[in-house]
């Protein structure tokens, strides 16, 4: 287990609550691209939550728990969420964009990147993705076949450094 993840286990017991793979989806309430991914994130959660643990990780500085809960209600999320205002989960995963996903198996980061390739750039989006990267990774993990570490470039809103 990586040292960074081990240190977080004390601060976040849900990281080690079950010996299942963990998906962190980094998001923010004010990112239009993150918000457009709500249906896909909910679909992935519905498909894989019986075999994989999920957390929405809200990275906005100053975001309150009440505002986070309102956002979850507004977008119909049933996924457990956590505020990451001090960036410990962001640093652990190396996330820099929202939406961005990180998948951990046995405490090791095996995937970080886009949910799919629907957004070719910040201003250019396809109607349908050509590749569903996170779905492919989760299908392999759920089947007991963790893929080799894989990283893709996410497109969305920057996770700004703390001041």
C-alpha atoms as a PDB file:
ATOM      1  CA  UNK A   1       0.000   0.000   0.000  1.00  0.00           C
ATOM      2  CA  UNK A   2       1.357   3.408  -0.895  1.00  0.00           C
ATOM      3  CA  UNK A   3       2.437   5.592   2.001  1.00  0.00           C
ATOM      4  CA  UNK A   4       0.101   8.443   1.007  1.00  0.00           C
ATOM      5  CA  UNK A   5      -2.914   6.148   1.011  1.00  0.00           C
ATOM      6  CA  UNK A   6      -1.909   4.552   4.309  1.00  0.00           C
ATOM      7  CA  UNK A   7      -1.727   7.984   5.946  1.00  0.00           C
ATOM      8  CA  UNK A   8      -5.213   8.789   4.732  1.00  0.00           C
ATOM      9  CA  UNK A   9      -6.730   5.672   6.244  1.00  0.00           C
ATOM     10  CA  UNK A  10      -6.648   7.324   9.634  1.00  0.00           C
ATOM     11  CA  UNK A  11      -8.432  10.429   8.345  1.00  0.00           C
ATOM     12  CA  UNK A  12     -10.919   8.551   6.156  1.00  0.00           C
ATOM     13  CA  UNK A  13     -11.952   5.141   7.484  1.00  0.00           C
ATOM     14  CA  UNK A  14     -14.155   4.576   4.429  1.00  0.00           C
ATOM     15  CA  UNK A  15     -10.984   4.107   2.394  1.00  0.00           C
ATOM     16  CA  UNK A  16     -10.390   0.810   4.137  1.00  0.00           C
ATOM     17  CA  UNK A  17     -13.982  -0.086   5.086  1.00  0.00           C
ATOM     18  CA  UNK A  18     -14.103  -2.882   2.524  1.00  0.00           C
ATOM     19  CA  UNK A  19     -11.460  -4.749   0.563  1.00  0.00           C
ATOM     20  CA  UNK A  20     -13.084  -3.600  -2.659  1.00  0.00           C
ATOM     21  CA  UNK A  21     -11.741  -1.365  -5.381  1.00  0.00           C
ATOM     22  CA  UNK A  22     -12.340   2.341  -4.829  1.00  0.00           C
ATOM     23  CA  UNK A  23     -13.363   4.961  -7.387  1.00  0.00           C
ATOM     24  CA  UNK A  24     -12.911   8.620  -6.541  1.00  0.00           C
ATOM     25  CA  UNK A  25     -14.682  11.008  -8.889  1.00  0.00           C
ATOM     26  CA  UNK A  26     -13.438  14.565  -8.477  1.00  0.00           C
ATOM     27  CA  UNK A  27     -16.107  17.179  -9.026  1.00  0.00           C
ATOM     28  CA  UNK A  28     -17.209  20.672  -8.207  1.00  0.00           C
ATOM     29  CA  UNK A  29     -20.615  22.301  -8.092  1.00  0.00           C
ATOM     30  CA  UNK A  30     -19.678  25.156 -10.432  1.00  0.00           C
ATOM     31  CA  UNK A  31     -18.087  23.154 -13.262  1.00  0.00           C
ATOM     32  CA  UNK A  32     -20.463  22.796 -16.210  1.00  0.00           C
ATOM     33  CA  UNK A  33     -18.549  19.814 -17.606  1.00  0.00           C
ATOM     34  CA  UNK A  34     -18.683  17.992 -14.270  1.00  0.00           C
ATOM     35  CA  UNK A  35     -22.392  18.705 -14.034  1.00  0.00           C
ATOM     36  CA  UNK A  36     -23.029  17.407 -17.573  1.00  0.00           C
ATOM     37  CA  UNK A  37     -21.438  14.105 -16.527  1.00  0.00           C
ATOM     38  CA  UNK A  38     -23.989  13.505 -13.741  1.00  0.00           C
ATOM     39  CA  UNK A  39     -26.074  11.000 -15.785  1.00  0.00           C
ATOM     40  CA  UNK A  40     -22.971   8.990 -16.762  1.00  0.00           C
ATOM     41  CA  UNK A  41     -21.584   9.022 -13.217  1.00  0.00           C
ATOM     42  CA  UNK A  42     -24.949   7.824 -11.890  1.00  0.00           C
ATOM     43  CA  UNK A  43     -25.037   5.075 -14.550  1.00  0.00           C
ATOM     44  CA  UNK A  44     -21.567   3.866 -13.584  1.00  0.00           C
ATOM     45  CA  UNK A  45     -22.516   3.898  -9.912  1.00  0.00           C
ATOM     46  CA  UNK A  46     -25.692   1.901 -10.611  1.00  0.00           C
ATOM     47  CA  UNK A  47     -23.740  -0.595 -12.708  1.00  0.00           C
ATOM     48  CA  UNK A  48     -20.713  -1.170 -10.465  1.00  0.00           C
ATOM     49  CA  UNK A  49     -21.538  -0.102  -6.895  1.00  0.00           C
ATOM     50  CA  UNK A  50     -22.231  -3.694  -5.860  1.00  0.00           C
ATOM     51  CA  UNK A  51     -18.600  -4.588  -6.584  1.00  0.00           C
ATOM     52  CA  UNK A  52     -16.732  -1.286  -6.348  1.00  0.00           C
ATOM     53  CA  UNK A  53     -16.850   1.516  -3.755  1.00  0.00           C
ATOM     54  CA  UNK A  54     -17.463   5.042  -5.037  1.00  0.00           C
ATOM     55  CA  UNK A  55     -16.950   8.508  -3.577  1.00  0.00           C
ATOM     56  CA  UNK A  56     -17.663  11.882  -5.108  1.00  0.00           C
ATOM     57  CA  UNK A  57     -14.841  14.167  -4.029  1.00  0.00           C
ATOM     58  CA  UNK A  58     -15.783  17.853  -3.973  1.00  0.00           C
ATOM     59  CA  UNK A  59     -12.692  20.022  -4.383  1.00  0.00           C
ATOM     60  CA  UNK A  60     -14.025  23.583  -4.207  1.00  0.00           C
ATOM     61  CA  UNK A  61     -12.333  25.776  -1.627  1.00  0.00           C
ATOM     62  CA  UNK A  62     -14.872  27.045   0.882  1.00  0.00           C
ATOM     63  CA  UNK A  63     -17.638  24.657  -0.166  1.00  0.00           C
ATOM     64  CA  UNK A  64     -19.891  23.812   2.765  1.00  0.00           C
ATOM     65  CA  UNK A  65     -21.429  20.447   3.544  1.00  0.00           C
ATOM     66  CA  UNK A  66     -24.896  21.992   3.072  1.00  0.00           C
ATOM     67  CA  UNK A  67     -24.031  23.258  -0.417  1.00  0.00           C
ATOM     68  CA  UNK A  68     -22.486  19.885  -1.301  1.00  0.00           C
ATOM     69  CA  UNK A  69     -25.675  18.107  -0.199  1.00  0.00           C
ATOM     70  CA  UNK A  70     -27.830  20.538  -2.215  1.00  0.00           C
ATOM     71  CA  UNK A  71     -25.730  19.799  -5.284  1.00  0.00           C
ATOM     72  CA  UNK A  72     -26.122  16.058  -4.745  1.00  0.00           C
ATOM     73  CA  UNK A  73     -29.896  16.453  -4.426  1.00  0.00           C
ATOM     74  CA  UNK A  74     -30.104  18.767  -7.449  1.00  0.00           C
ATOM     75  CA  UNK A  75     -28.284  16.238  -9.660  1.00  0.00           C
ATOM     76  CA  UNK A  76     -29.824  13.124  -8.096  1.00  0.00           C
ATOM     77  CA  UNK A  77     -26.605  11.640  -6.752  1.00  0.00           C
ATOM     78  CA  UNK A  78     -26.923   8.735  -4.313  1.00  0.00           C
ATOM     79  CA  UNK A  79     -23.146   8.332  -4.290  1.00  0.00           C
ATOM     80  CA  UNK A  80     -21.428   8.986  -0.937  1.00  0.00           C
ATOM     81  CA  UNK A  81     -19.497  12.245  -1.052  1.00  0.00           C
ATOM     82  CA  UNK A  82     -16.676  13.927   0.804  1.00  0.00           C
ATOM     83  CA  UNK A  83     -15.373  17.483   0.935  1.00  0.00           C
ATOM     84  CA  UNK A  84     -11.703  17.738  -0.005  1.00  0.00           C
ATOM     85  CA  UNK A  85     -11.077  21.348   0.874  1.00  0.00           C
ATOM     86  CA  UNK A  86      -7.571  20.525   2.130  1.00  0.00           C
ATOM     87  CA  UNK A  87      -6.776  18.498  -1.030  1.00  0.00           C
ATOM     88  CA  UNK A  88      -5.630  15.302   0.682  1.00  0.00           C
ATOM     89  CA  UNK A  89      -7.589  13.057  -1.729  1.00  0.00           C
ATOM     90  CA  UNK A  90      -6.672  15.243  -4.685  1.00  0.00           C
ATOM     91  CA  UNK A  91      -2.969  14.872  -3.852  1.00  0.00           C
ATOM     92  CA  UNK A  92      -3.336  11.139  -3.218  1.00  0.00           C
ATOM     93  CA  UNK A  93      -4.793  10.613  -6.700  1.00  0.00           C
ATOM     94  CA  UNK A  94      -2.858  13.331  -8.498  1.00  0.00           C
ATOM     95  CA  UNK A  95      -6.122  14.809  -9.800  1.00  0.00           C
ATOM     96  CA  UNK A  96      -5.946  18.196 -11.526  1.00  0.00           C
ATOM     97  CA  UNK A  97      -9.292  18.509 -13.360  1.00  0.00           C
ATOM     98  CA  UNK A  98     -12.986  18.027 -12.676  1.00  0.00           C
ATOM     99  CA  UNK A  99     -14.464  15.703 -13.657  1.00  0.00           C
ATOM    100  CA  UNK A 100     -11.601  13.271 -13.221  1.00  0.00           C
ATOM    101  CA  UNK A 101     -11.690   9.718 -11.898  1.00  0.00           C
ATOM    102  CA  UNK A 102      -9.136   7.754  -9.912  1.00  0.00           C
ATOM    103  CA  UNK A 103      -9.414   4.000  -9.376  1.00  0.00           C
ATOM    104  CA  UNK A 104      -7.533   2.230  -6.594  1.00  0.00           C
ATOM    105  CA  UNK A 105      -7.184  -1.558  -6.296  1.00  0.00           C
ATOM    106  CA  UNK A 106      -5.468  -2.934  -3.199  1.00  0.00           C
ATOM    107  CA  UNK A 107      -4.364   0.602  -2.350  1.00  0.00           C
ATOM    108  CA  UNK A 108      -2.630   1.142  -5.697  1.00  0.00           C
ATOM    109  CA  UNK A 109      -3.700   3.746  -8.228  1.00  0.00           C
ATOM    110  CA  UNK A 110      -4.480   1.831 -11.421  1.00  0.00           C
ATOM    111  CA  UNK A 111      -6.350   4.515 -13.351  1.00  0.00           C
ATOM    112  CA  UNK A 112      -6.593   8.278 -13.355  1.00  0.00           C
ATOM    113  CA  UNK A 113      -8.211  10.331 -16.031  1.00  0.00           C
ATOM    114  CA  UNK A 114     -11.323  11.070 -17.975  1.00  0.00           C
ATOM    115  CA  UNK A 115     -14.654   9.361 -17.566  1.00  0.00           C
ATOM    116  CA  UNK A 116     -14.916   9.132 -21.339  1.00  0.00           C
ATOM    117  CA  UNK A 117     -13.780  11.079 -24.394  1.00  0.00           C
ATOM    118  CA  UNK A 118     -16.997  13.021 -24.961  1.00  0.00           C
ATOM    119  CA  UNK A 119     -15.104  16.290 -24.437  1.00  0.00           C
ATOM    120  CA  UNK A 120     -12.336  16.628 -27.002  1.00  0.00           C
ATOM    121  CA  UNK A 121     -11.438  19.997 -25.460  1.00  0.00           C
ATOM    122  CA  UNK A 122     -13.039  22.449 -23.071  1.00  0.00           C
ATOM    123  CA  UNK A 123     -15.122  23.988 -25.875  1.00  0.00           C
ATOM    124  CA  UNK A 124     -15.664  20.908 -28.084  1.00  0.00           C
ATOM    125  CA  UNK A 125     -17.967  18.083 -27.025  1.00  0.00           C
ATOM    126  CA  UNK A 126     -19.268  15.085 -28.954  1.00  0.00           C
ATOM    127  CA  UNK A 127     -22.893  13.975 -28.669  1.00  0.00           C
ATOM    128  CA  UNK A 128     -21.670  10.493 -27.673  1.00  0.00           C
ATOM    129  CA  UNK A 129     -18.240   9.323 -26.522  1.00  0.00           C
ATOM    130  CA  UNK A 130     -16.062   7.122 -28.713  1.00  0.00           C
ATOM    131  CA  UNK A 131     -14.343   5.529 -25.691  1.00  0.00           C
ATOM    132  CA  UNK A 132     -15.802   4.983 -22.222  1.00  0.00           C
ATOM    133  CA  UNK A 133     -12.485   4.764 -20.385  1.00  0.00           C
ATOM    134  CA  UNK A 134     -13.757   4.556 -16.809  1.00  0.00           C
ATOM    135  CA  UNK A 135     -16.446   2.023 -17.761  1.00  0.00           C
ATOM    136  CA  UNK A 136     -13.794  -0.178 -19.425  1.00  0.00           C
ATOM    137  CA  UNK A 137     -11.537  -0.010 -16.369  1.00  0.00           C
ATOM    138  CA  UNK A 138     -14.398  -0.767 -13.968  1.00  0.00           C
ATOM    139  CA  UNK A 139     -15.641  -3.687 -16.087  1.00  0.00           C
ATOM    140  CA  UNK A 140     -12.173  -5.245 -15.915  1.00  0.00           C
ATOM    141  CA  UNK A 141     -11.824  -4.568 -12.186  1.00  0.00           C
ATOM    142  CA  UNK A 142     -15.312  -5.944 -11.421  1.00  0.00           C
ATOM    143  CA  UNK A 143     -14.407  -9.093 -13.352  1.00  0.00           C
ATOM    144  CA  UNK A 144     -11.319  -9.510 -11.160  1.00  0.00           C
ATOM    145  CA  UNK A 145      -8.922  -8.463 -13.900  1.00  0.00           C
ATOM    146  CA  UNK A 146      -7.346  -5.177 -12.851  1.00  0.00           C
ATOM    147  CA  UNK A 147      -5.884  -3.518 -15.918  1.00  0.00           C
ATOM    148  CA  UNK A 148      -2.328  -2.306 -16.089  1.00  0.00           C
ATOM    149  CA  UNK A 149      -1.964   1.204 -14.727  1.00  0.00           C
ATOM    150  CA  UNK A 150      -3.477   3.556 -17.229  1.00  0.00           C
ATOM    151  CA  UNK A 151      -3.758   7.313 -17.378  1.00  0.00           C
ATOM    152  CA  UNK A 152      -5.777   9.528 -19.722  1.00  0.00           C
ATOM    153  CA  UNK A 153      -6.092  13.292 -19.982  1.00  0.00           C
ATOM    154  CA  UNK A 154      -9.283  14.654 -18.460  1.00  0.00           C
ATOM    155  CA  UNK A 155     -10.956  17.754 -19.874  1.00  0.00           C
ATOM    156  CA  UNK A 156     -12.876  20.087 -17.602  1.00  0.00           C
ATOM    157  CA  UNK A 157     -12.394  22.663 -14.878  1.00  0.00           C
ATOM    158  CA  UNK A 158      -9.037  23.054 -13.177  1.00  0.00           C
ATOM    159  CA  UNK A 159      -8.577  22.163  -9.546  1.00  0.00           C
ATOM    160  CA  UNK A 160      -6.884  25.319  -8.408  1.00  0.00           C
ATOM    161  CA  UNK A 161      -4.141  25.184  -5.788  1.00  0.00           C
ATOM    162  CA  UNK A 162      -4.967  26.159  -2.233  1.00  0.00           C
ATOM    163  CA  UNK A 163      -3.952  29.650  -1.187  1.00  0.00           C
END
